[in-house]
Amino acid sequence: MGTVHQINHRSHALQPLLMLILRVGLGMLLLLKGFSFLSNSSQLEELISQSRFKTGSAFLVSYIAFAHLFGGVFIIIGLLTRWVVALQLPVLIGAVFFVHIGKDVFGIGSEFWLAVLVLALLIFFLVKGAGSLSIDGYIKKKE
């Protein structure tokens, strides 16, 4: 019985660290994608114009790039995580269901599965929050 208790204790001790690693990885991915969108804004604009969202593509390009940049930084440090994730969700829902779904999702270079993974992680952090190893967790402890 002592062994089960030790395993259970270790898994609870590792949970904040695993959440930190997932959160930082997600934030880095969004940050890098934001830089990619800024450096290739014409490619993003073309991608948007081929989707259902043809009108307002200039606004969408700016929103997507800056949401990924600032959202990535805020997710990495764990500040206002649920709010930032909520701002990311429309972008990823649009990417998964309107941009990538009509293309060859199993082809080489397809970003469909990456977008699905990022969407799943965003939903996870929307529900769970940033975790205890974050600025949000620090603020919550101080209250």
C-alpha atoms as a PDB file:
ATOM      1  CA  MET A   1       0.000   0.000   0.000  1.00  0.00           C
ATOM      2  CA  GLY A   2       2.929   2.314   0.666  1.00  0.00           C
ATOM      3  CA  THR A   3       4.106   1.964  -2.936  1.00  0.00           C
ATOM      4  CA  VAL A   4       0.765   3.134  -4.340  1.00  0.00           C
ATOM      5  CA  HIS A   5       0.843   6.119  -2.007  1.00  0.00           C
ATOM      6  CA  GLN A   6       4.398   6.991  -3.143  1.00  0.00           C
ATOM      7  CA  ILE A   7       3.461   6.763  -6.829  1.00  0.00           C
ATOM      8  CA  ASN A   8       0.364   8.874  -6.246  1.00  0.00           C
ATOM      9  CA  HIS A   9       2.413  11.472  -4.340  1.00  0.00           C
ATOM     10  CA  ARG A  10       5.036  11.626  -7.110  1.00  0.00           C
ATOM     11  CA  SER A  11       2.409  12.050  -9.825  1.00  0.00           C
ATOM     12  CA  HIS A  12       0.845  14.944  -7.910  1.00  0.00           C
ATOM     13  CA  ALA A  13       4.277  16.494  -7.471  1.00  0.00           C
ATOM     14  CA  LEU A  14       5.006  16.240 -11.210  1.00  0.00           C
ATOM     15  CA  GLN A  15       1.677  17.684 -12.357  1.00  0.00           C
ATOM     16  CA  PRO A  16       2.645  21.386 -11.978  1.00  0.00           C
ATOM     17  CA  LEU A  17       5.914  20.746 -13.812  1.00  0.00           C
ATOM     18  CA  LEU A  18       4.137  18.957 -16.674  1.00  0.00           C
ATOM     19  CA  MET A  19       1.615  21.791 -16.954  1.00  0.00           C
ATOM     20  CA  LEU A  20       4.490  24.282 -17.019  1.00  0.00           C
ATOM     21  CA  ILE A  21       6.232  22.374 -19.821  1.00  0.00           C
ATOM     22  CA  LEU A  22       3.005  22.114 -21.849  1.00  0.00           C
ATOM     23  CA  ARG A  23       2.172  25.793 -21.289  1.00  0.00           C
ATOM     24  CA  VAL A  24       5.640  27.042 -22.225  1.00  0.00           C
ATOM     25  CA  GLY A  25       5.710  24.764 -25.280  1.00  0.00           C
ATOM     26  CA  LEU A  26       2.315  26.050 -26.411  1.00  0.00           C
ATOM     27  CA  GLY A  27       3.368  29.653 -25.828  1.00  0.00           C
ATOM     28  CA  MET A  28       6.625  29.180 -27.750  1.00  0.00           C
ATOM     29  CA  LEU A  29       4.767  27.573 -30.631  1.00  0.00           C
ATOM     30  CA  LEU A  30       2.301  30.467 -30.804  1.00  0.00           C
ATOM     31  CA  LEU A  31       5.097  33.024 -30.512  1.00  0.00           C
ATOM     32  CA  LEU A  32       7.099  31.432 -33.335  1.00  0.00           C
ATOM     33  CA  LYS A  33       3.995  31.154 -35.494  1.00  0.00           C
ATOM     34  CA  GLY A  34       3.272  34.835 -34.834  1.00  0.00           C
ATOM     35  CA  PHE A  35       6.772  35.778 -36.023  1.00  0.00           C
ATOM     36  CA  SER A  36       6.256  33.568 -39.058  1.00  0.00           C
ATOM     37  CA  PHE A  37       2.961  35.290 -39.855  1.00  0.00           C
ATOM     38  CA  LEU A  38       4.565  38.728 -39.513  1.00  0.00           C
ATOM     39  CA  SER A  39       7.452  37.854 -41.806  1.00  0.00           C
ATOM     40  CA  ASN A  40       5.136  36.182 -44.358  1.00  0.00           C
ATOM     41  CA  SER A  41       2.038  38.348 -44.044  1.00  0.00           C
ATOM     42  CA  SER A  42       1.315  38.119 -47.759  1.00  0.00           C
ATOM     43  CA  GLN A  43       1.186  34.318 -47.490  1.00  0.00           C
ATOM     44  CA  LEU A  44      -1.227  34.569 -44.543  1.00  0.00           C
ATOM     45  CA  GLU A  45      -3.368  37.076 -46.441  1.00  0.00           C
ATOM     46  CA  GLU A  46      -3.515  34.709 -49.420  1.00  0.00           C
ATOM     47  CA  LEU A  47      -4.484  31.841 -47.124  1.00  0.00           C
ATOM     48  CA  ILE A  48      -7.287  33.928 -45.623  1.00  0.00           C
ATOM     49  CA  SER A  49      -8.519  35.098 -49.018  1.00  0.00           C
ATOM     50  CA  GLN A  50      -8.873  31.457 -50.116  1.00  0.00           C
ATOM     51  CA  SER A  51     -11.061  30.710 -47.101  1.00  0.00           C
ATOM     52  CA  ARG A  52     -14.587  31.862 -46.282  1.00  0.00           C
ATOM     53  CA  PHE A  53     -13.277  35.034 -44.622  1.00  0.00           C
ATOM     54  CA  LYS A  54     -12.383  37.074 -47.701  1.00  0.00           C
ATOM     55  CA  THR A  55     -13.660  40.375 -46.371  1.00  0.00           C
ATOM     56  CA  GLY A  56     -11.540  42.047 -43.765  1.00  0.00           C
ATOM     57  CA  SER A  57      -8.445  39.998 -44.542  1.00  0.00           C
ATOM     58  CA  ALA A  58      -6.098  42.878 -43.617  1.00  0.00           C
ATOM     59  CA  PHE A  59      -7.679  43.072 -40.161  1.00  0.00           C
ATOM     60  CA  LEU A  60      -7.523  39.291 -39.759  1.00  0.00           C
ATOM     61  CA  VAL A  61      -3.838  39.183 -40.714  1.00  0.00           C
ATOM     62  CA  SER A  62      -3.027  41.783 -38.067  1.00  0.00           C
ATOM     63  CA  TYR A  63      -5.253  40.158 -35.445  1.00  0.00           C
ATOM     64  CA  ILE A  64      -3.858  36.678 -36.010  1.00  0.00           C
ATOM     65  CA  ALA A  65      -0.210  37.745 -36.005  1.00  0.00           C
ATOM     66  CA  PHE A  66      -0.441  39.942 -32.919  1.00  0.00           C
ATOM     67  CA  ALA A  67      -2.745  37.541 -31.054  1.00  0.00           C
ATOM     68  CA  HIS A  68      -0.130  34.834 -31.548  1.00  0.00           C
ATOM     69  CA  LEU A  69       2.766  37.103 -30.563  1.00  0.00           C
ATOM     70  CA  PHE A  70       1.286  38.621 -27.421  1.00  0.00           C
ATOM     71  CA  GLY A  71      -0.715  35.516 -26.589  1.00  0.00           C
ATOM     72  CA  GLY A  72       2.410  33.397 -26.827  1.00  0.00           C
ATOM     73  CA  VAL A  73       4.313  35.624 -24.398  1.00  0.00           C
ATOM     74  CA  PHE A  74       1.410  35.783 -21.937  1.00  0.00           C
ATOM     75  CA  ILE A  75       0.892  32.014 -22.071  1.00  0.00           C
ATOM     76  CA  ILE A  76       4.613  31.377 -21.518  1.00  0.00           C
ATOM     77  CA  ILE A  77       4.669  33.452 -18.326  1.00  0.00           C
ATOM     78  CA  GLY A  78       1.172  32.362 -17.303  1.00  0.00           C
ATOM     79  CA  LEU A  79      -0.374  35.820 -17.087  1.00  0.00           C
ATOM     80  CA  LEU A  80      -4.107  36.234 -17.765  1.00  0.00           C
ATOM     81  CA  THR A  81      -3.928  32.794 -19.308  1.00  0.00           C
ATOM     82  CA  ARG A  82      -7.639  32.056 -19.651  1.00  0.00           C
ATOM     83  CA  TRP A  83      -8.314  35.451 -21.242  1.00  0.00           C
ATOM     84  CA  VAL A  84      -5.434  35.100 -23.684  1.00  0.00           C
ATOM     85  CA  VAL A  85      -6.495  31.571 -24.566  1.00  0.00           C
ATOM     86  CA  ALA A  86     -10.031  32.829 -25.218  1.00  0.00           C
ATOM     87  CA  LEU A  87      -8.574  35.347 -27.702  1.00  0.00           C
ATOM     88  CA  GLN A  88      -6.646  32.548 -29.437  1.00  0.00           C
ATOM     89  CA  LEU A  89      -9.619  30.191 -29.787  1.00  0.00           C
ATOM     90  CA  PRO A  90     -11.344  31.927 -32.740  1.00  0.00           C
ATOM     91  CA  VAL A  91      -8.069  31.896 -34.674  1.00  0.00           C
ATOM     92  CA  LEU A  92      -7.470  28.188 -34.119  1.00  0.00           C
ATOM     93  CA  ILE A  93     -11.102  27.214 -34.658  1.00  0.00           C
ATOM     94  CA  GLY A  94     -10.959  29.093 -37.957  1.00  0.00           C
ATOM     95  CA  ALA A  95      -7.681  27.401 -38.869  1.00  0.00           C
ATOM     96  CA  VAL A  96      -8.954  23.909 -38.092  1.00  0.00           C
ATOM     97  CA  PHE A  97     -12.503  24.097 -39.449  1.00  0.00           C
ATOM     98  CA  PHE A  98     -12.281  26.655 -42.260  1.00  0.00           C
ATOM     99  CA  VAL A  99      -8.717  26.884 -43.539  1.00  0.00           C
ATOM    100  CA  HIS A 100      -7.073  23.473 -43.245  1.00  0.00           C
ATOM    101  CA  ILE A 101     -10.063  21.120 -43.401  1.00  0.00           C
ATOM    102  CA  GLY A 102     -10.575  21.367 -47.158  1.00  0.00           C
ATOM    103  CA  LYS A 103      -6.960  20.602 -47.932  1.00  0.00           C
ATOM    104  CA  ASP A 104      -5.020  17.353 -47.897  1.00  0.00           C
ATOM    105  CA  VAL A 105      -4.811  16.887 -44.127  1.00  0.00           C
ATOM    106  CA  PHE A 106      -2.532  13.861 -44.435  1.00  0.00           C
ATOM    107  CA  GLY A 107      -0.180  15.434 -46.983  1.00  0.00           C
ATOM    108  CA  ILE A 108       3.402  16.360 -46.335  1.00  0.00           C
ATOM    109  CA  GLY A 109       3.635  19.846 -44.898  1.00  0.00           C
ATOM    110  CA  SER A 110       0.012  19.895 -43.757  1.00  0.00           C
ATOM    111  CA  GLU A 111      -0.411  21.954 -40.617  1.00  0.00           C
ATOM    112  CA  PHE A 112      -3.867  20.573 -39.875  1.00  0.00           C
ATOM    113  CA  TRP A 113      -2.743  18.231 -37.089  1.00  0.00           C
ATOM    114  CA  LEU A 114      -0.565  20.902 -35.511  1.00  0.00           C
ATOM    115  CA  ALA A 115      -3.571  23.249 -35.485  1.00  0.00           C
ATOM    116  CA  VAL A 116      -5.719  20.494 -33.917  1.00  0.00           C
ATOM    117  CA  LEU A 117      -3.075  19.897 -31.224  1.00  0.00           C
ATOM    118  CA  VAL A 118      -2.791  23.622 -30.457  1.00  0.00           C
ATOM    119  CA  LEU A 119      -6.600  23.904 -30.322  1.00  0.00           C
ATOM    120  CA  ALA A 120      -6.764  20.968 -27.894  1.00  0.00           C
ATOM    121  CA  LEU A 121      -4.071  22.530 -25.682  1.00  0.00           C
ATOM    122  CA  LEU A 122      -5.865  25.877 -25.732  1.00  0.00           C
ATOM    123  CA  ILE A 123      -9.092  24.213 -24.604  1.00  0.00           C
ATOM    124  CA  PHE A 124      -7.150  22.367 -21.879  1.00  0.00           C
ATOM    125  CA  PHE A 125      -5.661  25.608 -20.523  1.00  0.00           C
ATOM    126  CA  LEU A 126      -9.005  27.398 -20.820  1.00  0.00           C
ATOM    127  CA  VAL A 127     -10.505  24.777 -18.515  1.00  0.00           C
ATOM    128  CA  LYS A 128      -7.541  24.128 -16.173  1.00  0.00           C
ATOM    129  CA  GLY A 129      -5.898  27.547 -16.089  1.00  0.00           C
ATOM    130  CA  ALA A 130      -2.165  28.202 -16.098  1.00  0.00           C
ATOM    131  CA  GLY A 131      -1.308  26.018 -13.120  1.00  0.00           C
ATOM    132  CA  SER A 132       0.531  26.820  -9.921  1.00  0.00           C
ATOM    133  CA  LEU A 133       3.891  27.571 -11.606  1.00  0.00           C
ATOM    134  CA  SER A 134       2.711  30.773 -13.280  1.00  0.00           C
ATOM    135  CA  ILE A 135       2.053  34.411 -12.544  1.00  0.00           C
ATOM    136  CA  ASP A 136      -1.662  33.590 -12.332  1.00  0.00           C
ATOM    137  CA  GLY A 137      -0.850  30.895  -9.740  1.00  0.00           C
ATOM    138  CA  TYR A 138       1.350  33.306  -7.786  1.00  0.00           C
ATOM    139  CA  ILE A 139      -1.385  35.947  -7.721  1.00  0.00           C
ATOM    140  CA  LYS A 140      -3.946  33.348  -6.648  1.00  0.00           C
ATOM    141  CA  LYS A 141      -1.712  32.273  -3.721  1.00  0.00           C
ATOM    142  CA  LYS A 142      -1.316  35.891  -2.570  1.00  0.00           C
ATOM    143  CA  GLU A 143      -5.073  36.507  -2.399  1.00  0.00           C
END
